[in-house]
Protein backbone atom coordinates (compact mmCIF):
# COMPACT_ATOMS: atom_id res chain seq x y z
CA UNK A 1 15.19 33.37 28.29
CA UNK A 2 13.80 34.47 24.74
CA UNK A 3 10.88 34.11 22.83
CA UNK A 4 13.52 31.68 20.67
CA UNK A 5 12.59 28.96 23.56
CA UNK A 6 8.51 28.41 22.80
CA UNK A 7 8.56 28.84 18.89
CA UNK A 8 11.18 25.84 19.17
CA UNK A 9 9.66 24.19 21.34
CA UNK A 10 6.40 24.01 19.67
CA UNK A 11 8.48 23.07 16.46
CA UNK A 12 9.65 19.76 18.20
CA UNK A 13 6.36 19.33 19.18
CA UNK A 14 5.01 19.29 15.77
CA UNK A 15 7.29 15.85 15.01
CA UNK A 16 4.61 14.16 18.34
CA UNK A 17 1.70 13.26 17.34
CA UNK A 18 -0.03 15.25 19.95
CA UNK A 19 0.81 17.33 22.93
CA UNK A 20 -0.65 15.36 25.42
CA UNK A 21 1.28 11.76 24.38
CA UNK A 22 4.54 14.58 24.70
CA UNK A 23 3.75 15.68 28.15
CA UNK A 24 2.75 12.13 28.88
CA UNK A 25 6.31 10.76 28.09
CA UNK A 26 7.96 13.63 29.66
CA UNK A 27 5.89 12.97 32.95
CA UNK A 28 4.89 16.91 32.95
CA UNK A 29 1.79 18.57 33.60
CA UNK A 30 -0.13 19.10 30.67
CA UNK A 31 -1.36 22.93 32.20
CA UNK A 32 2.39 23.46 32.74
CA UNK A 33 3.68 22.33 29.89
CA UNK A 34 1.58 24.40 27.89
CA UNK A 35 2.64 27.75 30.07
CA UNK A 36 6.05 26.43 28.16
CA UNK A 37 4.67 27.03 24.99
CA UNK A 38 2.94 30.40 25.23
CA UNK A 39 5.71 31.55 27.44
CA UNK A 40 3.92 31.98 30.26
CA UNK A 41 6.57 30.18 32.36
CA UNK A 42 9.86 28.93 31.89
CA UNK A 43 11.37 24.80 32.89
CA UNK A 44 13.62 24.43 35.97
CA UNK A 45 16.50 23.48 35.39
CA UNK A 46 15.27 19.30 36.43
CA UNK A 47 12.88 19.63 34.07
CA UNK A 48 15.17 21.59 30.77
CA UNK A 49 17.07 18.46 31.07
CA UNK A 50 14.18 16.42 30.54
CA UNK A 51 12.68 17.97 27.45
CA UNK A 52 16.14 18.05 25.85
CA UNK A 53 17.07 14.28 26.33
CA UNK A 54 13.14 13.34 25.19
CA UNK A 55 14.04 15.48 21.92
CA UNK A 56 17.12 14.75 21.33
CA UNK A 57 19.05 18.28 21.81
CA UNK A 58 21.38 20.64 23.70
CA UNK A 59 19.69 23.38 25.80
CA UNK A 60 21.81 26.17 23.88
CA UNK A 61 20.67 24.56 20.97
CA UNK A 62 17.32 24.84 21.92
CA UNK A 63 17.70 28.50 23.37
CA UNK A 64 19.27 29.00 19.36
CA UNK A 65 17.33 31.61 17.32
CA UNK A 66 13.97 29.28 15.04
CA UNK A 67 15.35 29.47 11.22
CA UNK A 68 18.41 28.00 12.79
CA UNK A 69 16.92 26.04 15.07
CA UNK A 70 15.07 24.27 12.72
CA UNK A 71 18.08 24.49 10.32
CA UNK A 72 19.83 21.80 12.97
CA UNK A 73 16.78 19.62 13.83
CA UNK A 74 15.45 18.40 10.11
CA UNK A 75 19.94 17.85 9.77
CA UNK A 76 18.94 15.80 13.27
CA UNK A 77 16.19 14.31 11.83
CA UNK A 78 17.01 12.93 8.48
CA UNK A 79 19.39 9.80 9.73
CA UNK A 80 17.02 8.97 11.49
CA UNK A 81 14.37 9.09 9.40
CA UNK A 82 16.14 6.88 6.68
CA UNK A 83 16.93 4.13 9.53
CA UNK A 84 13.68 3.22 9.95
CA UNK A 85 12.62 3.34 6.33
CA UNK A 86 15.80 0.77 5.72
CA UNK A 87 14.54 -1.84 7.95
CA UNK A 88 11.34 -2.45 6.09
CA UNK A 89 12.81 -1.98 2.86
CA UNK A 90 15.81 -4.24 3.88
CA UNK A 91 13.31 -6.89 3.63
CA UNK A 92 11.79 -6.12 -0.17
CA UNK A 93 15.55 -5.67 -0.95
CA UNK A 94 16.57 -9.12 -0.30
CA UNK A 95 13.38 -10.49 -2.03
CA UNK A 96 13.90 -8.21 -5.60
CA UNK A 97 17.94 -10.31 -5.58
CA UNK A 98 16.40 -12.85 -5.62
CA UNK A 99 13.56 -12.27 -8.10
CA UNK A 100 14.48 -13.20 -11.81
CA UNK A 101 13.69 -11.63 -15.34
CA UNK A 102 10.38 -10.64 -15.86
CA UNK A 103 10.98 -8.67 -18.55
CA UNK A 104 8.22 -10.71 -20.75
CA UNK A 105 5.44 -9.73 -18.83
CA UNK A 106 5.94 -5.86 -19.05
CA UNK A 107 2.48 -5.40 -20.15
CA UNK A 108 -1.59 -5.02 -19.43
CA UNK A 109 -3.72 -7.08 -18.10
CA UNK A 110 -7.54 -7.68 -17.64
CA UNK A 111 -7.65 -8.95 -13.85
CA UNK A 112 -10.85 -10.97 -13.25
CA UNK A 113 -12.23 -13.31 -9.98
CA UNK A 114 -15.56 -13.02 -8.07
CA UNK A 115 -16.08 -10.00 -6.32
CA UNK A 116 -15.31 -10.45 -2.90
CA UNK A 117 -18.11 -7.63 -1.65
CA UNK A 118 -20.28 -7.88 -4.67
CA UNK A 119 -21.41 -11.77 -4.01
CA UNK A 120 -22.13 -13.69 -7.16
CA UNK A 121 -20.11 -10.33 -9.54
CA UNK A 122 -17.66 -11.49 -11.49
CA UNK A 123 -14.05 -8.47 -11.53
CA UNK A 124 -12.66 -7.06 -14.83
CA UNK A 125 -10.30 -4.57 -13.85
CA UNK A 126 -7.90 -2.72 -15.66
CA UNK A 127 -3.87 -4.12 -14.75
CA UNK A 128 -0.45 -2.97 -15.94
CA UNK A 129 2.99 -4.77 -14.75
CA UNK A 130 5.99 -1.82 -15.57
CA UNK A 131 9.44 -1.46 -14.71
CA UNK A 132 11.39 1.19 -13.56
CA UNK A 133 15.27 0.55 -13.83
CA UNK A 134 15.94 -3.02 -12.28
CA UNK A 135 12.64 -3.12 -10.52
CA UNK A 136 8.79 -4.37 -11.51
CA UNK A 137 5.83 -2.99 -10.60
CA UNK A 138 1.99 -3.84 -10.27
CA UNK A 139 -1.25 -0.67 -10.82
CA UNK A 140 -4.91 -1.98 -11.18
CA UNK A 141 -7.56 0.05 -11.48
CA UNK A 142 -11.02 -1.03 -10.14
CA UNK A 143 -14.13 0.54 -11.52
CA UNK A 144 -17.18 -1.01 -10.02
CA UNK A 145 -19.43 0.08 -12.98
CA UNK A 146 -23.28 -1.84 -13.20
CA UNK A 147 -23.17 -3.71 -16.20
CA UNK A 148 -26.82 -2.86 -16.98
CA UNK A 149 -26.61 0.74 -16.18
CA UNK A 150 -23.22 1.41 -17.16
CA UNK A 151 -22.72 3.87 -13.90
CA UNK A 152 -20.58 3.57 -11.40
CA UNK A 153 -20.20 2.21 -8.18
CA UNK A 154 -16.97 2.78 -6.53
CA UNK A 155 -13.46 3.59 -7.82
CA UNK A 156 -10.40 1.23 -6.51
CA UNK A 157 -7.01 1.86 -7.39
CA UNK A 158 -4.14 -0.80 -6.28
CA UNK A 159 -0.40 0.18 -6.39
CA UNK A 160 1.92 -3.07 -5.63
CA UNK A 161 5.33 -4.33 -6.54
CA UNK A 162 5.83 -8.13 -8.16
CA UNK A 163 8.34 -11.23 -7.54
CA UNK A 164 9.74 -14.12 -9.61
CA UNK A 165 10.02 -16.65 -7.34
CA UNK A 166 11.03 -20.69 -7.41
CA UNK A 167 8.70 -20.88 -11.05
CA UNK A 168 6.28 -18.62 -9.41
CA UNK A 169 5.27 -14.86 -9.65
CA UNK A 170 3.20 -13.12 -6.85
CA UNK A 171 2.07 -9.45 -6.76
CA UNK A 172 1.38 -7.58 -3.20
CA UNK A 173 -0.12 -4.64 -3.75
CA UNK A 174 -2.16 -2.28 -1.54
CA UNK A 175 -5.36 0.45 -2.03
CA UNK A 176 -3.85 3.47 -3.15
CA UNK A 177 -6.61 6.11 -2.55
CA UNK A 178 -7.84 5.00 1.22
CA UNK A 179 -4.16 3.28 1.95
CA UNK A 180 -6.77 0.23 3.83
CA UNK A 181 -6.26 -3.03 1.91
CA UNK A 182 -3.30 -5.84 0.89
CA UNK A 183 -3.96 -7.54 -1.29
CA UNK A 184 -1.12 -11.14 -2.10
CA UNK A 185 -1.46 -12.92 -5.90
CA UNK A 186 0.76 -16.10 -6.88
CA UNK A 187 0.28 -16.97 -10.31
CA UNK A 188 2.05 -19.99 -12.29
CA UNK A 189 4.27 -18.22 -15.12
CA UNK A 190 3.41 -18.74 -18.21
CA UNK A 191 6.81 -20.53 -20.45
CA UNK A 192 4.93 -20.45 -23.81
CA UNK A 193 6.53 -17.33 -25.73
CA UNK A 194 3.55 -15.46 -25.80
CA UNK A 195 1.93 -15.22 -22.91
CA UNK A 196 -2.43 -15.71 -22.64
CA UNK A 197 -3.69 -16.30 -19.39
CA UNK A 198 -2.20 -16.24 -16.34
CA UNK A 199 -4.45 -18.47 -13.54
CA UNK A 200 -3.53 -18.27 -9.93
CA UNK A 201 -4.64 -17.16 -6.06
CA UNK A 202 -5.22 -13.87 -4.29
CA UNK A 203 -6.15 -13.57 -0.11
CA UNK A 204 -7.70 -9.96 0.44
CA UNK A 205 -10.91 -8.59 1.62
CA UNK A 206 -12.89 -6.16 0.38
CA UNK A 207 -12.59 -2.65 1.04
CA UNK A 208 -16.06 -0.71 1.94
CA UNK A 209 -18.50 -3.90 3.00
CA UNK A 210 -17.12 -5.50 5.90
CA UNK A 211 -13.75 -7.04 6.88
CA UNK A 212 -14.01 -10.47 6.25
CA UNK A 213 -10.42 -11.55 4.57
CA UNK A 214 -10.75 -13.93 1.46
CA UNK A 215 -9.62 -15.90 -0.79
CA UNK A 216 -10.49 -16.49 -4.53
CA UNK A 217 -9.04 -17.55 -7.72
CA UNK A 218 -8.13 -15.02 -10.10
CA UNK A 219 -7.04 -14.15 -13.98
CA UNK A 220 -4.58 -12.11 -15.94
CA UNK A 221 -5.80 -12.07 -19.36
CA UNK A 222 -2.37 -10.23 -21.62
CA UNK A 223 -3.59 -7.52 -23.66
CA UNK A 224 -0.25 -6.56 -24.75
CA UNK A 225 2.58 -3.50 -24.23
CA UNK A 226 0.44 -0.65 -26.34
CA UNK A 227 -3.03 -0.45 -26.42
CA UNK A 228 -5.75 1.88 -26.08
CA UNK A 229 -6.22 2.56 -22.07
CA UNK A 230 -9.79 4.67 -22.51
CA UNK A 231 -11.09 1.72 -24.44
CA UNK A 232 -10.12 -1.28 -22.00
CA UNK A 233 -11.72 0.66 -18.98
CA UNK A 234 -14.25 1.25 -20.97
CA UNK A 235 -14.67 -2.89 -20.55
CA UNK A 236 -13.99 -3.52 -17.10
CA UNK A 237 -16.64 -3.76 -13.87
CA UNK A 238 -18.56 -5.84 -12.91
CA UNK A 239 -20.40 -8.54 -14.55
CA UNK A 240 -23.26 -11.00 -13.95
CA UNK A 241 -20.82 -14.79 -14.91
CA UNK A 242 -23.38 -15.90 -17.15
CA UNK A 243 -24.34 -13.22 -18.79
CA UNK A 244 -21.38 -14.21 -21.71
CA UNK A 245 -19.05 -11.04 -21.24
CA UNK A 246 -16.82 -12.20 -19.69
CA UNK A 247 -16.68 -14.96 -22.18
CA UNK A 248 -17.08 -18.95 -20.23
CA UNK A 249 -13.48 -20.29 -20.08
CA UNK A 250 -12.48 -17.22 -17.75
CA UNK A 251 -15.41 -17.82 -16.03
CA UNK A 252 -14.84 -21.28 -15.19
CA UNK A 253 -10.79 -21.26 -14.71
CA UNK A 254 -11.90 -18.79 -11.14
CA UNK A 255 -15.38 -20.69 -10.05
CA UNK A 256 -13.97 -20.58 -6.61
CA UNK A 257 -15.13 -24.74 -5.51
CA UNK A 258 -13.37 -26.96 -2.64
CA UNK A 259 -13.38 -30.57 -4.05
CA UNK A 260 -14.80 -33.14 -1.52
CA UNK A 261 -10.93 -34.44 -1.47
CA UNK A 262 -9.30 -31.64 -0.67
CA UNK A 263 -8.94 -29.02 2.39
CA UNK A 264 -7.69 -25.43 1.07
CA UNK A 265 -8.61 -23.88 -2.15
CA UNK A 266 -6.10 -23.94 -4.88
CA UNK A 267 -5.85 -24.05 -8.92
CA UNK A 268 -4.30 -26.51 -11.16
CA UNK A 269 -1.71 -25.76 -13.02
CA UNK A 270 -2.74 -24.25 -17.06
């Protein structure tokens, strides 16, 4: 048996998290398996069958020249990867099929809400709704800038998707740098010719301080489709609700209060 076998076996193992996991699933001793990888020993007929069955290759393929074998493995894996990806995407595609037109909402927004991780502070971030093909997407940048010093205390970037279902706007976003949190927001749509403020509820949690989930009121202030992005980003950050920026009208709309007659946090239609 040539060195081709050990090179090909190493390639197959590289698609798995660790050699230890491969050995565990094959029920083959790790020390013995390492000898296969080093070329110090060759599998028995029984172990060869187990290896081939586990990785989904034939013995003749496993003994091929490594470059040719790598091409075969790539072809075999491609349909499997596409099939695995298509399962969760079916759910998103179904939502897109039922979503209404969102063309009027394209453009930039300031997003306001009480911070989950900075108690008593209001976040103003810059968001964008944009279209690619016939689907609508969302981007949001939070610069956690101290209002007194102007220094940045952190940066969060979010990306996501947008749907218009049953007279409500839905945004599903994830933190795109560390990929450690998901936020879901629901807004009332605007039935006016000119978009002003969109109000809603969002759920999520702090990205850096603890893991306690939460919910808050949230407002989107429409800025337009063509803006000075750099200047808009300079206006983002963390703010004290009583310092006049953001303006009091917006602060009153995002205050998180549950009335005595209510049992959940909700927001009235503007």
